[in-house]
PDB file of N, CA and C in Angstrom:
ATOM      1  N   MET A   1      -1.124  24.186  22.663  1.00  0.00           N
ATOM      2  CA  MET A   1      -1.926  23.248  21.871  1.00  0.00           C
ATOM      3  C   MET A   1      -1.282  23.012  20.505  1.00  0.00           C
ATOM      4  N   LYS A   2      -0.777  24.108  19.890  1.00  0.00           N
ATOM      5  CA  LYS A   2      -0.136  23.966  18.587  1.00  0.00           C
ATOM      6  C   LYS A   2       1.063  23.033  18.672  1.00  0.00           C
ATOM      7  N   LEU A   3       1.845  23.164  19.733  1.00  0.00           N
ATOM      8  CA  LEU A   3       3.029  22.342  19.889  1.00  0.00           C
ATOM      9  C   LEU A   3       2.664  20.871  20.011  1.00  0.00           C
ATOM     10  N   VAL A   4       1.632  20.567  20.765  1.00  0.00           N
ATOM     11  CA  VAL A   4       1.188  19.182  20.929  1.00  0.00           C
ATOM     12  C   VAL A   4       0.745  18.600  19.589  1.00  0.00           C
ATOM     13  N   LEU A   5      -0.025  19.367  18.821  1.00  0.00           N
ATOM     14  CA  LEU A   5      -0.502  18.905  17.522  1.00  0.00           C
ATOM     15  C   LEU A   5       0.663  18.677  16.558  1.00  0.00           C
ATOM     16  N   CYS A   6       1.628  19.590  16.573  1.00  0.00           N
ATOM     17  CA  CYS A   6       2.806  19.456  15.706  1.00  0.00           C
ATOM     18  C   CYS A   6       3.608  18.215  16.064  1.00  0.00           C
ATOM     19  N   LEU A   7       3.857  18.009  17.349  1.00  0.00           N
ATOM     20  CA  LEU A   7       4.617  16.844  17.787  1.00  0.00           C
ATOM     21  C   LEU A   7       3.891  15.544  17.456  1.00  0.00           C
ATOM     22  N   ALA A   8       2.585  15.519  17.645  1.00  0.00           N
ATOM     23  CA  ALA A   8       1.806  14.316  17.319  1.00  0.00           C
ATOM     24  C   ALA A   8       1.878  14.011  15.830  1.00  0.00           C
ATOM     25  N   THR A   9       1.745  15.039  14.986  1.00  0.00           N
ATOM     26  CA  THR A   9       1.809  14.846  13.539  1.00  0.00           C
ATOM     27  C   THR A   9       3.178  14.339  13.118  1.00  0.00           C
ATOM     28  N   LEU A  10       4.232  14.946  13.641  1.00  0.00           N
ATOM     29  CA  LEU A  10       5.584  14.521  13.294  1.00  0.00           C
ATOM     30  C   LEU A  10       5.861  13.097  13.770  1.00  0.00           C
ATOM     31  N   CYS A  11       5.381  12.747  14.943  1.00  0.00           N
ATOM     32  CA  CYS A  11       5.563  11.379  15.448  1.00  0.00           C
ATOM     33  C   CYS A  11       4.864  10.366  14.558  1.00  0.00           C
ATOM     34  N   MET A  12       3.655  10.684  14.103  1.00  0.00           N
ATOM     35  CA  MET A  12       2.926   9.769  13.221  1.00  0.00           C
ATOM     36  C   MET A  12       3.682   9.580  11.915  1.00  0.00           C
ATOM     37  N   MET A  13       4.222  10.671  11.370  1.00  0.00           N
ATOM     38  CA  MET A  13       4.957  10.570  10.110  1.00  0.00           C
ATOM     39  C   MET A  13       6.234   9.761  10.293  1.00  0.00           C
ATOM     40  N   MET A  14       6.953   9.958  11.398  1.00  0.00           N
ATOM     41  CA  MET A  14       8.181   9.217  11.647  1.00  0.00           C
ATOM     42  C   MET A  14       7.870   7.750  11.899  1.00  0.00           C
ATOM     43  N   TYR A  15       6.783   7.445  12.591  1.00  0.00           N
ATOM     44  CA  TYR A  15       6.403   6.063  12.855  1.00  0.00           C
ATOM     45  C   TYR A  15       6.145   5.323  11.550  1.00  0.00           C
ATOM     46  N   GLU A  16       5.458   5.979  10.632  1.00  0.00           N
ATOM     47  CA  GLU A  16       5.144   5.341   9.352  1.00  0.00           C
ATOM     48  C   GLU A  16       6.414   5.045   8.569  1.00  0.00           C
ATOM     49  N   VAL A  17       7.402   5.940   8.649  1.00  0.00           N
ATOM     50  CA  VAL A  17       8.637   5.755   7.895  1.00  0.00           C
ATOM     51  C   VAL A  17       9.519   4.687   8.538  1.00  0.00           C
ATOM     52  N   GLU A  18       9.584   4.647   9.875  1.00  0.00           N
ATOM     53  CA  GLU A  18      10.520   3.781  10.579  1.00  0.00           C
ATOM     54  C   GLU A  18      10.012   2.357  10.800  1.00  0.00           C
ATOM     55  N   SER A  19       8.733   2.133  10.808  1.00  0.00           N
ATOM     56  CA  SER A  19       8.179   0.822  11.127  1.00  0.00           C
ATOM     57  C   SER A  19       7.974  -0.010   9.868  1.00  0.00           C
ATOM     58  N   ALA A  20       8.149  -1.322  10.018  1.00  0.00           N
ATOM     59  CA  ALA A  20       7.815  -2.216   8.914  1.00  0.00           C
ATOM     60  C   ALA A  20       6.299  -2.239   8.775  1.00  0.00           C
ATOM     61  N   ILE A  21       5.818  -2.295   7.558  1.00  0.00           N
ATOM     62  CA  ILE A  21       4.376  -2.342   7.344  1.00  0.00           C
ATOM     63  C   ILE A  21       3.952  -3.773   7.025  1.00  0.00           C
ATOM     64  N   THR A  22       2.652  -4.030   7.129  1.00  0.00           N
ATOM     65  CA  THR A  22       2.121  -5.332   6.746  1.00  0.00           C
ATOM     66  C   THR A  22       1.415  -5.205   5.401  1.00  0.00           C
ATOM     67  N   CYS A  23       1.538  -6.259   4.613  1.00  0.00           N
ATOM     68  CA  CYS A  23       0.913  -6.300   3.293  1.00  0.00           C
ATOM     69  C   CYS A  23       0.196  -7.633   3.126  1.00  0.00           C
ATOM     70  N   TYR A  24      -0.869  -7.613   2.340  1.00  0.00           N
ATOM     71  CA  TYR A  24      -1.529  -8.862   1.993  1.00  0.00           C
ATOM     72  C   TYR A  24      -0.603  -9.657   1.088  1.00  0.00           C
ATOM     73  N   SER A  25      -0.631 -10.981   1.243  1.00  0.00           N
ATOM     74  CA  SER A  25       0.230 -11.854   0.451  1.00  0.00           C
ATOM     75  C   SER A  25      -0.612 -13.001  -0.109  1.00  0.00           C
ATOM     76  N   CYS A  26      -0.890 -12.937  -1.426  1.00  0.00           N
ATOM     77  CA  CYS A  26      -1.719 -13.965  -2.046  1.00  0.00           C
ATOM     78  C   CYS A  26      -1.630 -13.857  -3.563  1.00  0.00           C
ATOM     79  N   THR A  27      -2.191 -14.840  -4.238  1.00  0.00           N
ATOM     80  CA  THR A  27      -2.339 -14.805  -5.685  1.00  0.00           C
ATOM     81  C   THR A  27      -3.717 -15.350  -6.047  1.00  0.00           C
ATOM     82  N   SER A  28      -4.306 -14.768  -7.064  1.00  0.00           N
ATOM     83  CA  SER A  28      -5.638 -15.217  -7.484  1.00  0.00           C
ATOM     84  C   SER A  28      -5.597 -16.606  -8.114  1.00  0.00           C
ATOM     85  N   LEU A  29      -4.411 -17.110  -8.426  1.00  0.00           N
ATOM     86  CA  LEU A  29      -4.286 -18.469  -8.968  1.00  0.00           C
ATOM     87  C   LEU A  29      -4.660 -19.527  -7.927  1.00  0.00           C
ATOM     88  N   THR A  30      -4.398 -19.206  -6.648  1.00  0.00           N
ATOM     89  CA  THR A  30      -4.671 -20.183  -5.594  1.00  0.00           C
ATOM     90  C   THR A  30      -5.766 -19.742  -4.621  1.00  0.00           C
ATOM     91  N   SER A  31      -6.169 -18.460  -4.683  1.00  0.00           N
ATOM     92  CA  SER A  31      -7.197 -17.958  -3.770  1.00  0.00           C
ATOM     93  C   SER A  31      -8.129 -17.006  -4.511  1.00  0.00           C
ATOM     94  N   SER A  32      -9.398 -17.396  -4.611  1.00  0.00           N
ATOM     95  CA  SER A  32     -10.357 -16.524  -5.292  1.00  0.00           C
ATOM     96  C   SER A  32     -10.564 -15.218  -4.529  1.00  0.00           C
ATOM     97  N   ASN A  33     -10.305 -15.212  -3.214  1.00  0.00           N
ATOM     98  CA  ASN A  33     -10.433 -13.992  -2.423  1.00  0.00           C
ATOM     99  C   ASN A  33      -9.400 -12.940  -2.803  1.00  0.00           C
ATOM    100  N   CYS A  34      -8.328 -13.339  -3.462  1.00  0.00           N
ATOM    101  CA  CYS A  34      -7.247 -12.429  -3.827  1.00  0.00           C
ATOM    102  C   CYS A  34      -7.577 -11.600  -5.070  1.00  0.00           C
ATOM    103  N   GLY A  35      -8.577 -11.991  -5.812  1.00  0.00           N
ATOM    104  CA  GLY A  35      -8.926 -11.288  -7.058  1.00  0.00           C
ATOM    105  C   GLY A  35      -9.608  -9.955  -6.805  1.00  0.00           C
ATOM    106  N   ASP A  36     -10.178  -9.401  -7.839  1.00  0.00           N
ATOM    107  CA  ASP A  36     -10.986  -8.183  -7.732  1.00  0.00           C
ATOM    108  C   ASP A  36     -12.429  -8.557  -7.971  1.00  0.00           C
ATOM    109  N   PRO A  37     -13.350  -8.259  -7.082  1.00  0.00           N
ATOM    110  CA  PRO A  37     -13.138  -7.517  -5.843  1.00  0.00           C
ATOM    111  C   PRO A  37     -12.396  -8.361  -4.806  1.00  0.00           C
ATOM    112  N   PHE A  38     -11.602  -7.700  -3.972  1.00  0.00           N
ATOM    113  CA  PHE A  38     -10.777  -8.341  -2.954  1.00  0.00           C
ATOM    114  C   PHE A  38     -11.603  -8.659  -1.719  1.00  0.00           C
ATOM    115  N   ASN A  39     -11.348  -9.838  -1.129  1.00  0.00           N
ATOM    116  CA  ASN A  39     -11.996 -10.248   0.115  1.00  0.00           C
ATOM    117  C   ASN A  39     -10.884 -10.734   1.043  1.00  0.00           C
ATOM    118  N   SER A  40     -10.640 -10.026   2.128  1.00  0.00           N
ATOM    119  CA  SER A  40      -9.513 -10.342   3.008  1.00  0.00           C
ATOM    120  C   SER A  40      -9.715 -11.614   3.839  1.00  0.00           C
ATOM    121  N   ASP A  41     -10.919 -12.198   3.831  1.00  0.00           N
ATOM    122  CA  ASP A  41     -11.165 -13.421   4.602  1.00  0.00           C
ATOM    123  C   ASP A  41     -10.207 -14.526   4.183  1.00  0.00           C
ATOM    124  N   GLY A  42      -9.408 -15.004   5.130  1.00  0.00           N
ATOM    125  CA  GLY A  42      -8.500 -16.110   4.871  1.00  0.00           C
ATOM    126  C   GLY A  42      -7.216 -15.722   4.140  1.00  0.00           C
ATOM    127  N   VAL A  43      -7.048 -14.449   3.822  1.00  0.00           N
ATOM    128  CA  VAL A  43      -5.827 -14.001   3.138  1.00  0.00           C
ATOM    129  C   VAL A  43      -4.804 -13.605   4.194  1.00  0.00           C
ATOM    130  N   THR A  44      -3.599 -14.129   4.067  1.00  0.00           N
ATOM    131  CA  THR A  44      -2.562 -13.841   5.059  1.00  0.00           C
ATOM    132  C   THR A  44      -1.923 -12.475   4.818  1.00  0.00           C
ATOM    133  N   THR A  45      -1.362 -11.933   5.893  1.00  0.00           N
ATOM    134  CA  THR A  45      -0.561 -10.712   5.790  1.00  0.00           C
ATOM    135  C   THR A  45       0.862 -11.059   6.193  1.00  0.00           C
ATOM    136  N   THR A  46       1.793 -10.263   5.722  1.00  0.00           N
ATOM    137  CA  THR A  46       3.192 -10.482   6.044  1.00  0.00           C
ATOM    138  C   THR A  46       3.855  -9.150   6.351  1.00  0.00           C
ATOM    139  N   SER A  47       4.857  -9.175   7.207  1.00  0.00           N
ATOM    140  CA  SER A  47       5.604  -7.968   7.548  1.00  0.00           C
ATOM    141  C   SER A  47       6.609  -7.682   6.432  1.00  0.00           C
ATOM    142  N   CYS A  48       6.628  -6.446   5.967  1.00  0.00           N
ATOM    143  CA  CYS A  48       7.484  -6.067   4.840  1.00  0.00           C
ATOM    144  C   CYS A  48       8.488  -5.006   5.280  1.00  0.00           C
ATOM    145  N   SER A  49       9.730  -5.395   5.409  1.00  0.00           N
ATOM    146  CA  SER A  49      10.762  -4.481   5.885  1.00  0.00           C
ATOM    147  C   SER A  49      11.060  -3.369   4.887  1.00  0.00           C
ATOM    148  N   ALA A  50      10.710  -3.557   3.622  1.00  0.00           N
ATOM    149  CA  ALA A  50      10.927  -2.518   2.608  1.00  0.00           C
ATOM    150  C   ALA A  50       9.896  -1.392   2.727  1.00  0.00           C
ATOM    151  N   ASN A  51       8.871  -1.590   3.587  1.00  0.00           N
ATOM    152  CA  ASN A  51       7.802  -0.595   3.785  1.00  0.00           C
ATOM    153  C   ASN A  51       7.027  -0.288   2.513  1.00  0.00           C
ATOM    154  N   VAL A  52       6.894  -1.281   1.657  1.00  0.00           N
ATOM    155  CA  VAL A  52       6.163  -1.117   0.394  1.00  0.00           C
ATOM    156  C   VAL A  52       5.333  -2.364   0.142  1.00  0.00           C
ATOM    157  N   CYS A  53       4.069  -2.166  -0.219  1.00  0.00           N
ATOM    158  CA  CYS A  53       3.205  -3.270  -0.648  1.00  0.00           C
ATOM    159  C   CYS A  53       3.035  -3.192  -2.163  1.00  0.00           C
ATOM    160  N   LEU A  54       2.710  -4.315  -2.769  1.00  0.00           N
ATOM    161  CA  LEU A  54       2.560  -4.391  -4.219  1.00  0.00           C
ATOM    162  C   LEU A  54       1.273  -5.117  -4.576  1.00  0.00           C
ATOM    163  N   LYS A  55       0.604  -4.613  -5.587  1.00  0.00           N
ATOM    164  CA  LYS A  55      -0.516  -5.318  -6.211  1.00  0.00           C
ATOM    165  C   LYS A  55      -0.218  -5.339  -7.705  1.00  0.00           C
ATOM    166  N   ALA A  56      -0.116  -6.526  -8.261  1.00  0.00           N
ATOM    167  CA  ALA A  56       0.170  -6.664  -9.691  1.00  0.00           C
ATOM    168  C   ALA A  56      -0.977  -7.413 -10.351  1.00  0.00           C
ATOM    169  N   LYS A  57      -1.369  -6.949 -11.538  1.00  0.00           N
ATOM    170  CA  LYS A  57      -2.459  -7.569 -12.282  1.00  0.00           C
ATOM    171  C   LYS A  57      -2.010  -7.747 -13.723  1.00  0.00           C
ATOM    172  N   ALA A  58      -2.188  -8.959 -14.239  1.00  0.00           N
ATOM    173  CA  ALA A  58      -1.801  -9.245 -15.614  1.00  0.00           C
ATOM    174  C   ALA A  58      -2.829 -10.154 -16.263  1.00  0.00           C
ATOM    175  N   GLU A  59      -2.930 -10.047 -17.551  1.00  0.00           N
ATOM    176  CA  GLU A  59      -3.816 -10.901 -18.350  1.00  0.00           C
ATOM    177  C   GLU A  59      -2.927 -11.915 -19.066  1.00  0.00           C
ATOM    178  N   VAL A  60      -3.105 -13.209 -18.733  1.00  0.00           N
ATOM    179  CA  VAL A  60      -2.281 -14.260 -19.331  1.00  0.00           C
ATOM    180  C   VAL A  60      -3.201 -15.279 -19.982  1.00  0.00           C
ATOM    181  N   THR A  61      -3.078 -15.409 -21.282  1.00  0.00           N
ATOM    182  CA  THR A  61      -3.923 -16.310 -22.086  1.00  0.00           C
ATOM    183  C   THR A  61      -5.397 -16.197 -21.710  1.00  0.00           C
ATOM    184  N   GLY A  62      -5.853 -14.963 -21.583  1.00  0.00           N
ATOM    185  CA  GLY A  62      -7.263 -14.706 -21.310  1.00  0.00           C
ATOM    186  C   GLY A  62      -7.676 -14.825 -19.863  1.00  0.00           C
ATOM    187  N   VAL A  63      -6.732 -15.106 -18.977  1.00  0.00           N
ATOM    188  CA  VAL A  63      -7.030 -15.245 -17.557  1.00  0.00           C
ATOM    189  C   VAL A  63      -6.384 -14.082 -16.805  1.00  0.00           C
ATOM    190  N   SER A  64      -7.180 -13.398 -15.984  1.00  0.00           N
ATOM    191  CA  SER A  64      -6.665 -12.299 -15.170  1.00  0.00           C
ATOM    192  C   SER A  64      -6.014 -12.868 -13.913  1.00  0.00           C
ATOM    193  N   ILE A  65      -4.737 -12.522 -13.694  1.00  0.00           N
ATOM    194  CA  ILE A  65      -3.996 -12.997 -12.529  1.00  0.00           C
ATOM    195  C   ILE A  65      -3.627 -11.790 -11.672  1.00  0.00           C
ATOM    196  N   ILE A  66      -3.959 -11.868 -10.391  1.00  0.00           N
ATOM    197  CA  ILE A  66      -3.637 -10.793  -9.453  1.00  0.00           C
ATOM    198  C   ILE A  66      -2.756 -11.357  -8.353  1.00  0.00           C
ATOM    199  N   THR A  67      -1.689 -10.628  -8.058  1.00  0.00           N
ATOM    200  CA  THR A  67      -0.774 -11.003  -6.991  1.00  0.00           C
ATOM    201  C   THR A  67      -0.637  -9.822  -6.040  1.00  0.00           C
ATOM    202  N   ARG A  68      -0.685 -10.106  -4.751  1.00  0.00           N
ATOM    203  CA  ARG A  68      -0.505  -9.086  -3.721  1.00  0.00           C
ATOM    204  C   ARG A  68       0.641  -9.552  -2.833  1.00  0.00           C
ATOM    205  N   SER A  69       1.619  -8.663  -2.585  1.00  0.00           N
ATOM    206  CA  SER A  69       2.809  -9.064  -1.833  1.00  0.00           C
ATOM    207  C   SER A  69       3.572  -7.838  -1.343  1.00  0.00           C
ATOM    208  N   CYS A  70       4.755  -8.076  -0.769  1.00  0.00           N
ATOM    209  CA  CYS A  70       5.659  -6.989  -0.419  1.00  0.00           C
ATOM    210  C   CYS A  70       6.238  -6.422  -1.707  1.00  0.00           C
ATOM    211  N   GLY A  71       6.531  -5.133  -1.681  1.00  0.00           N
ATOM    212  CA  GLY A  71       7.119  -4.476  -2.844  1.00  0.00           C
ATOM    213  C   GLY A  71       8.619  -4.324  -2.704  1.00  0.00           C
ATOM    214  N   ILE A  72       9.193  -3.595  -3.630  1.00  0.00           N
ATOM    215  CA  ILE A  72      10.635  -3.379  -3.682  1.00  0.00           C
ATOM    216  C   ILE A  72      10.978  -2.089  -2.953  1.00  0.00           C
ATOM    217  N   SER A  73      12.009  -2.121  -2.144  1.00  0.00           N
ATOM    218  CA  SER A  73      12.449  -0.950  -1.394  1.00  0.00           C
ATOM    219  C   SER A  73      12.679   0.237  -2.324  1.00  0.00           C
ATOM    220  N   GLY A  74      12.219   1.388  -1.906  1.00  0.00           N
ATOM    221  CA  GLY A  74      12.392   2.602  -2.698  1.00  0.00           C
ATOM    222  C   GLY A  74      11.201   2.941  -3.575  1.00  0.00           C
ATOM    223  N   ALA A  75      10.270   2.012  -3.733  1.00  0.00           N
ATOM    224  CA  ALA A  75       9.073   2.279  -4.536  1.00  0.00           C
ATOM    225  C   ALA A  75       8.177   3.261  -3.779  1.00  0.00           C
ATOM    226  N   THR A  76       7.370   3.988  -4.519  1.00  0.00           N
ATOM    227  CA  THR A  76       6.469   4.976  -3.921  1.00  0.00           C
ATOM    228  C   THR A  76       5.028   4.635  -4.278  1.00  0.00           C
ATOM    229  N   ASP A  77       4.105   5.463  -3.845  1.00  0.00           N
ATOM    230  CA  ASP A  77       2.682   5.268  -4.145  1.00  0.00           C
ATOM    231  C   ASP A  77       2.446   5.596  -5.614  1.00  0.00           C
ATOM    232  N   THR A  78       2.502   4.559  -6.432  1.00  0.00           N
ATOM    233  CA  THR A  78       2.375   4.777  -7.871  1.00  0.00           C
ATOM    234  C   THR A  78       1.909   3.504  -8.577  1.00  0.00           C
ATOM    235  N   CYS A  79       1.423   3.653  -9.776  1.00  0.00           N
ATOM    236  CA  CYS A  79       1.053   2.516 -10.620  1.00  0.00           C
ATOM    237  C   CYS A  79       1.814   2.624 -11.942  1.00  0.00           C
ATOM    238  N   THR A  80       2.222   1.488 -12.456  1.00  0.00           N
ATOM    239  CA  THR A  80       2.935   1.425 -13.728  1.00  0.00           C
ATOM    240  C   THR A  80       2.299   0.341 -14.585  1.00  0.00           C
ATOM    241  N   SER A  81       2.073   0.660 -15.851  1.00  0.00           N
ATOM    242  CA  SER A  81       1.500  -0.322 -16.784  1.00  0.00           C
ATOM    243  C   SER A  81       2.489  -0.607 -17.897  1.00  0.00           C
ATOM    244  N   ALA A  82       2.588  -1.886 -18.252  1.00  0.00           N
ATOM    245  CA  ALA A  82       3.453  -2.296 -19.365  1.00  0.00           C
ATOM    246  C   ALA A  82       3.085  -3.715 -19.772  1.00  0.00           C
ATOM    247  N   GLY A  83       3.136  -3.983 -21.056  1.00  0.00           N
ATOM    248  CA  GLY A  83       2.929  -5.327 -21.563  1.00  0.00           C
ATOM    249  C   GLY A  83       1.617  -5.973 -21.166  1.00  0.00           C
ATOM    250  N   GLY A  84       0.558  -5.192 -21.034  1.00  0.00           N
ATOM    251  CA  GLY A  84      -0.742  -5.750 -20.682  1.00  0.00           C
ATOM    252  C   GLY A  84      -0.949  -5.976 -19.198  1.00  0.00           C
ATOM    253  N   GLY A  85      -0.005  -5.526 -18.377  1.00  0.00           N
ATOM    254  CA  GLY A  85      -0.136  -5.688 -16.935  1.00  0.00           C
ATOM    255  C   GLY A  85       0.007  -4.365 -16.217  1.00  0.00           C
ATOM    256  N   THR A  86      -0.405  -4.349 -14.955  1.00  0.00           N
ATOM    257  CA  THR A  86      -0.294  -3.157 -14.124  1.00  0.00           C
ATOM    258  C   THR A  86       0.253  -3.555 -12.767  1.00  0.00           C
ATOM    259  N   ALA A  87       1.212  -2.771 -12.264  1.00  0.00           N
ATOM    260  CA  ALA A  87       1.759  -2.985 -10.932  1.00  0.00           C
ATOM    261  C   ALA A  87       1.607  -1.688 -10.149  1.00  0.00           C
ATOM    262  N   CYS A  88       0.999  -1.781  -8.968  1.00  0.00           N
ATOM    263  CA  CYS A  88       0.807  -0.613  -8.105  1.00  0.00           C
ATOM    264  C   CYS A  88       1.504  -0.862  -6.781  1.00  0.00           C
ATOM    265  N   SER A  89       2.229   0.140  -6.310  1.00  0.00           N
ATOM    266  CA  SER A  89       2.879   0.043  -5.009  1.00  0.00           C
ATOM    267  C   SER A  89       2.283   1.085  -4.078  1.00  0.00           C
ATOM    268  N   CYS A  90       2.325   0.795  -2.769  1.00  0.00           N
ATOM    269  CA  CYS A  90       1.776   1.708  -1.769  1.00  0.00           C
ATOM    270  C   CYS A  90       2.539   1.519  -0.468  1.00  0.00           C
ATOM    271  N   THR A  91       2.404   2.465   0.442  1.00  0.00           N
ATOM    272  CA  THR A  91       3.286   2.479   1.604  1.00  0.00           C
ATOM    273  C   THR A  91       2.574   2.557   2.952  1.00  0.00           C
ATOM    274  N   THR A  92       1.372   2.002   3.057  1.00  0.00           N
ATOM    275  CA  THR A  92       0.699   1.931   4.351  1.00  0.00           C
ATOM    276  C   THR A  92       0.235   0.490   4.599  1.00  0.00           C
ATOM    277  N   ASN A  93      -0.060   0.189   5.835  1.00  0.00           N
ATOM    278  CA  ASN A  93      -0.463  -1.171   6.202  1.00  0.00           C
ATOM    279  C   ASN A  93      -1.630  -1.680   5.360  1.00  0.00           C
ATOM    280  N   ASP A  94      -1.449  -2.866   4.800  1.00  0.00           N
ATOM    281  CA  ASP A  94      -2.479  -3.594   4.060  1.00  0.00           C
ATOM    282  C   ASP A  94      -3.108  -2.781   2.930  1.00  0.00           C
ATOM    283  N   CYS A  95      -2.371  -1.842   2.384  1.00  0.00           N
ATOM    284  CA  CYS A  95      -2.900  -0.978   1.324  1.00  0.00           C
ATOM    285  C   CYS A  95      -3.084  -1.717   0.005  1.00  0.00           C
ATOM    286  N   ASN A  96      -2.433  -2.869  -0.167  1.00  0.00           N
ATOM    287  CA  ASN A  96      -2.577  -3.597  -1.423  1.00  0.00           C
ATOM    288  C   ASN A  96      -3.842  -4.445  -1.470  1.00  0.00           C
ATOM    289  N   GLY A  97      -4.742  -4.234  -0.521  1.00  0.00           N
ATOM    290  CA  GLY A  97      -6.026  -4.923  -0.530  1.00  0.00           C
ATOM    291  C   GLY A  97      -7.107  -4.135  -1.243  1.00  0.00           C
ATOM    292  N   SER A  98      -6.820  -2.896  -1.566  1.00  0.00           N
ATOM    293  CA  SER A  98      -7.839  -2.065  -2.195  1.00  0.00           C
ATOM    294  C   SER A  98      -7.687  -2.061  -3.710  1.00  0.00           C
ATOM    295  N   SER A  99      -8.737  -1.587  -4.374  1.00  0.00           N
ATOM    296  CA  SER A  99      -8.675  -1.453  -5.827  1.00  0.00           C
ATOM    297  C   SER A  99      -7.745  -0.315  -6.222  1.00  0.00           C
ATOM    298  N   PHE A 100      -7.709   0.722  -5.389  1.00  0.00           N
ATOM    299  CA  PHE A 100      -6.841   1.868  -5.634  1.00  0.00           C
ATOM    300  C   PHE A 100      -5.876   1.964  -4.467  1.00  0.00           C
ATOM    301  N   VAL A 101      -4.587   2.095  -4.738  1.00  0.00           N
ATOM    302  CA  VAL A 101      -3.590   2.076  -3.679  1.00  0.00           C
ATOM    303  C   VAL A 101      -2.964   3.446  -3.434  1.00  0.00           C
ATOM    304  N   MET A 102      -3.672   4.505  -3.778  1.00  0.00           N
ATOM    305  CA  MET A 102      -3.104   5.836  -3.648  1.00  0.00           C
ATOM    306  C   MET A 102      -3.512   6.547  -2.362  1.00  0.00           C
ATOM    307  N   ALA A 103      -4.282   5.934  -1.495  1.00  0.00           N
ATOM    308  CA  ALA A 103      -4.775   6.608  -0.298  1.00  0.00           C
ATOM    309  C   ALA A 103      -3.650   7.075   0.607  1.00  0.00           C
ATOM    310  N   SER A 104      -2.548   6.337   0.693  1.00  0.00           N
ATOM    311  CA  SER A 104      -1.477   6.734   1.595  1.00  0.00           C
ATOM    312  C   SER A 104      -0.822   8.030   1.150  1.00  0.00           C
ATOM    313  N   ALA A 105      -0.781   8.307  -0.133  1.00  0.00           N
ATOM    314  CA  ALA A 105      -0.233   9.570  -0.612  1.00  0.00           C
ATOM    315  C   ALA A 105      -1.107  10.725  -0.144  1.00  0.00           C
ATOM    316  N   VAL A 106      -2.404  10.558  -0.184  1.00  0.00           N
ATOM    317  CA  VAL A 106      -3.326  11.589   0.279  1.00  0.00           C
ATOM    318  C   VAL A 106      -3.136  11.827   1.775  1.00  0.00           C
ATOM    319  N   SER A 107      -3.016  10.769   2.565  1.00  0.00           N
ATOM    320  CA  SER A 107      -2.845  10.943   4.010  1.00  0.00           C
ATOM    321  C   SER A 107      -1.529  11.630   4.340  1.00  0.00           C
ATOM    322  N   THR A 108      -0.494  11.364   3.576  1.00  0.00           N
ATOM    323  CA  THR A 108       0.792  12.034   3.788  1.00  0.00           C
ATOM    324  C   THR A 108       0.678  13.521   3.498  1.00  0.00           C
ATOM    325  N   VAL A 109       0.012  13.891   2.414  1.00  0.00           N
ATOM    326  CA  VAL A 109      -0.172  15.299   2.072  1.00  0.00           C
ATOM    327  C   VAL A 109      -0.985  16.008   3.151  1.00  0.00           C
ATOM    328  N   VAL A 110      -2.046  15.380   3.637  1.00  0.00           N
ATOM    329  CA  VAL A 110      -2.869  15.980   4.694  1.00  0.00           C
ATOM    330  C   VAL A 110      -2.027  16.195   5.950  1.00  0.00           C
ATOM    331  N   ALA A 111      -1.214  15.215   6.320  1.00  0.00           N
ATOM    332  CA  ALA A 111      -0.363  15.356   7.505  1.00  0.00           C
ATOM    333  C   ALA A 111       0.626  16.505   7.338  1.00  0.00           C
ATOM    334  N   LEU A 112       1.198  16.651   6.152  1.00  0.00           N
ATOM    335  CA  LEU A 112       2.133  17.751   5.901  1.00  0.00           C
ATOM    336  C   LEU A 112       1.440  19.106   5.971  1.00  0.00           C
ATOM    337  N   VAL A 113       0.248  19.209   5.401  1.00  0.00           N
ATOM    338  CA  VAL A 113      -0.498  20.470   5.435  1.00  0.00           C
ATOM    339  C   VAL A 113      -0.830  20.841   6.880  1.00  0.00           C
ATOM    340  N   VAL A 114      -1.278  19.869   7.660  1.00  0.00           N
ATOM    341  CA  VAL A 114      -1.593  20.123   9.070  1.00  0.00           C
ATOM    342  C   VAL A 114      -0.342  20.584   9.809  1.00  0.00           C
ATOM    343  N   ALA A 115       0.776  19.918   9.577  1.00  0.00           N
ATOM    344  CA  ALA A 115       2.034  20.283  10.243  1.00  0.00           C
ATOM    345  C   ALA A 115       2.473  21.690   9.851  1.00  0.00           C
ATOM    346  N   LEU A 116       2.400  22.022   8.576  1.00  0.00           N
ATOM    347  CA  LEU A 116       2.820  23.344   8.125  1.00  0.00           C
ATOM    348  C   LEU A 116       1.880  24.446   8.623  1.00  0.00           C
ATOM    349  N   TYR A 117       0.615  24.150   8.676  1.00  0.00           N
ATOM    350  CA  TYR A 117      -0.361  25.154   9.113  1.00  0.00           C
ATOM    351  C   TYR A 117      -0.253  25.448  10.610  1.00  0.00           C
ATOM    352  N   PHE A 118      -0.095  24.391  11.403  1.00  0.00           N
ATOM    353  CA  PHE A 118      -0.108  24.555  12.853  1.00  0.00           C
ATOM    354  C   PHE A 118       1.267  24.761  13.472  1.00  0.00           C
ATOM    355  N   CYS A 119       2.335  24.487  12.737  1.00  0.00           N
ATOM    356  CA  CYS A 119       3.690  24.611  13.314  1.00  0.00           C
ATOM    357  C   CYS A 119       4.316  25.958  13.001  1.00  0.00           C
TER     358      CYS A 119
END
């Protein structure tokens, strides 16, 4: 049983790393559903070969602009703020649709703990 659980966990982790993920692709300038709170109705998704999604939020002349798209290869589950804006990257399917994009880091840690405990 331990071997089956270990193999399943490792396969899930390898699948996440090797497969392209999907990310929401929109801007609040053209779609009110893209803003906060986010509403996925009518928002398109796109396949991202970099395996990273991005959510960027900036305040421009008093207007909050939110963009959701593919991120840059090598980015991790993190948020960075500069110049009145915030950019958050995440590494699971459609993770840039949430207000917080750190859930994939938690799932990775849980998978590692399960693998280490049972293997």
